[in-house]
Amino acid sequence: PMTYYAYAIVFTVASAAGGGSWIGFTNFLLEITQDEERIAFIGMNGTLLAPTALMPVIGGLLLKFFPYEAVFALAAMGGLLALLNAYRLTEPRTLAR
């Protein structure tokens, strides 16, 4: 009963965050590329991100061999690494073209 609402809130927030980050990432990519390179960068972005569709399957396989705590710790470390890398990004509008 109450867990249903908790799941609904968690997945709604996660979906909103994922959609928002995708919009931000795409706009950042469009800002940092030159006009003549833009199509190639967007195509390469899609190609390089395609394997991430397998991440839920890989997570399920990891759970067959490792406890939940270890898999969640690995995911948390990956998220922290991504956050640290995100802080290294520069504002594209301040870069000289």
Foldseek 3Di string as FASTA:
>chain_A
DVVVVVVVVVVVVVVVVVVVVVVVVLVVLVLQDDPVCSVVSVVVVVVVCVCVVCVVVVLVVVVVPDPPVVSVVVVVVVVVVVVVVVVVDDDSVPDDD
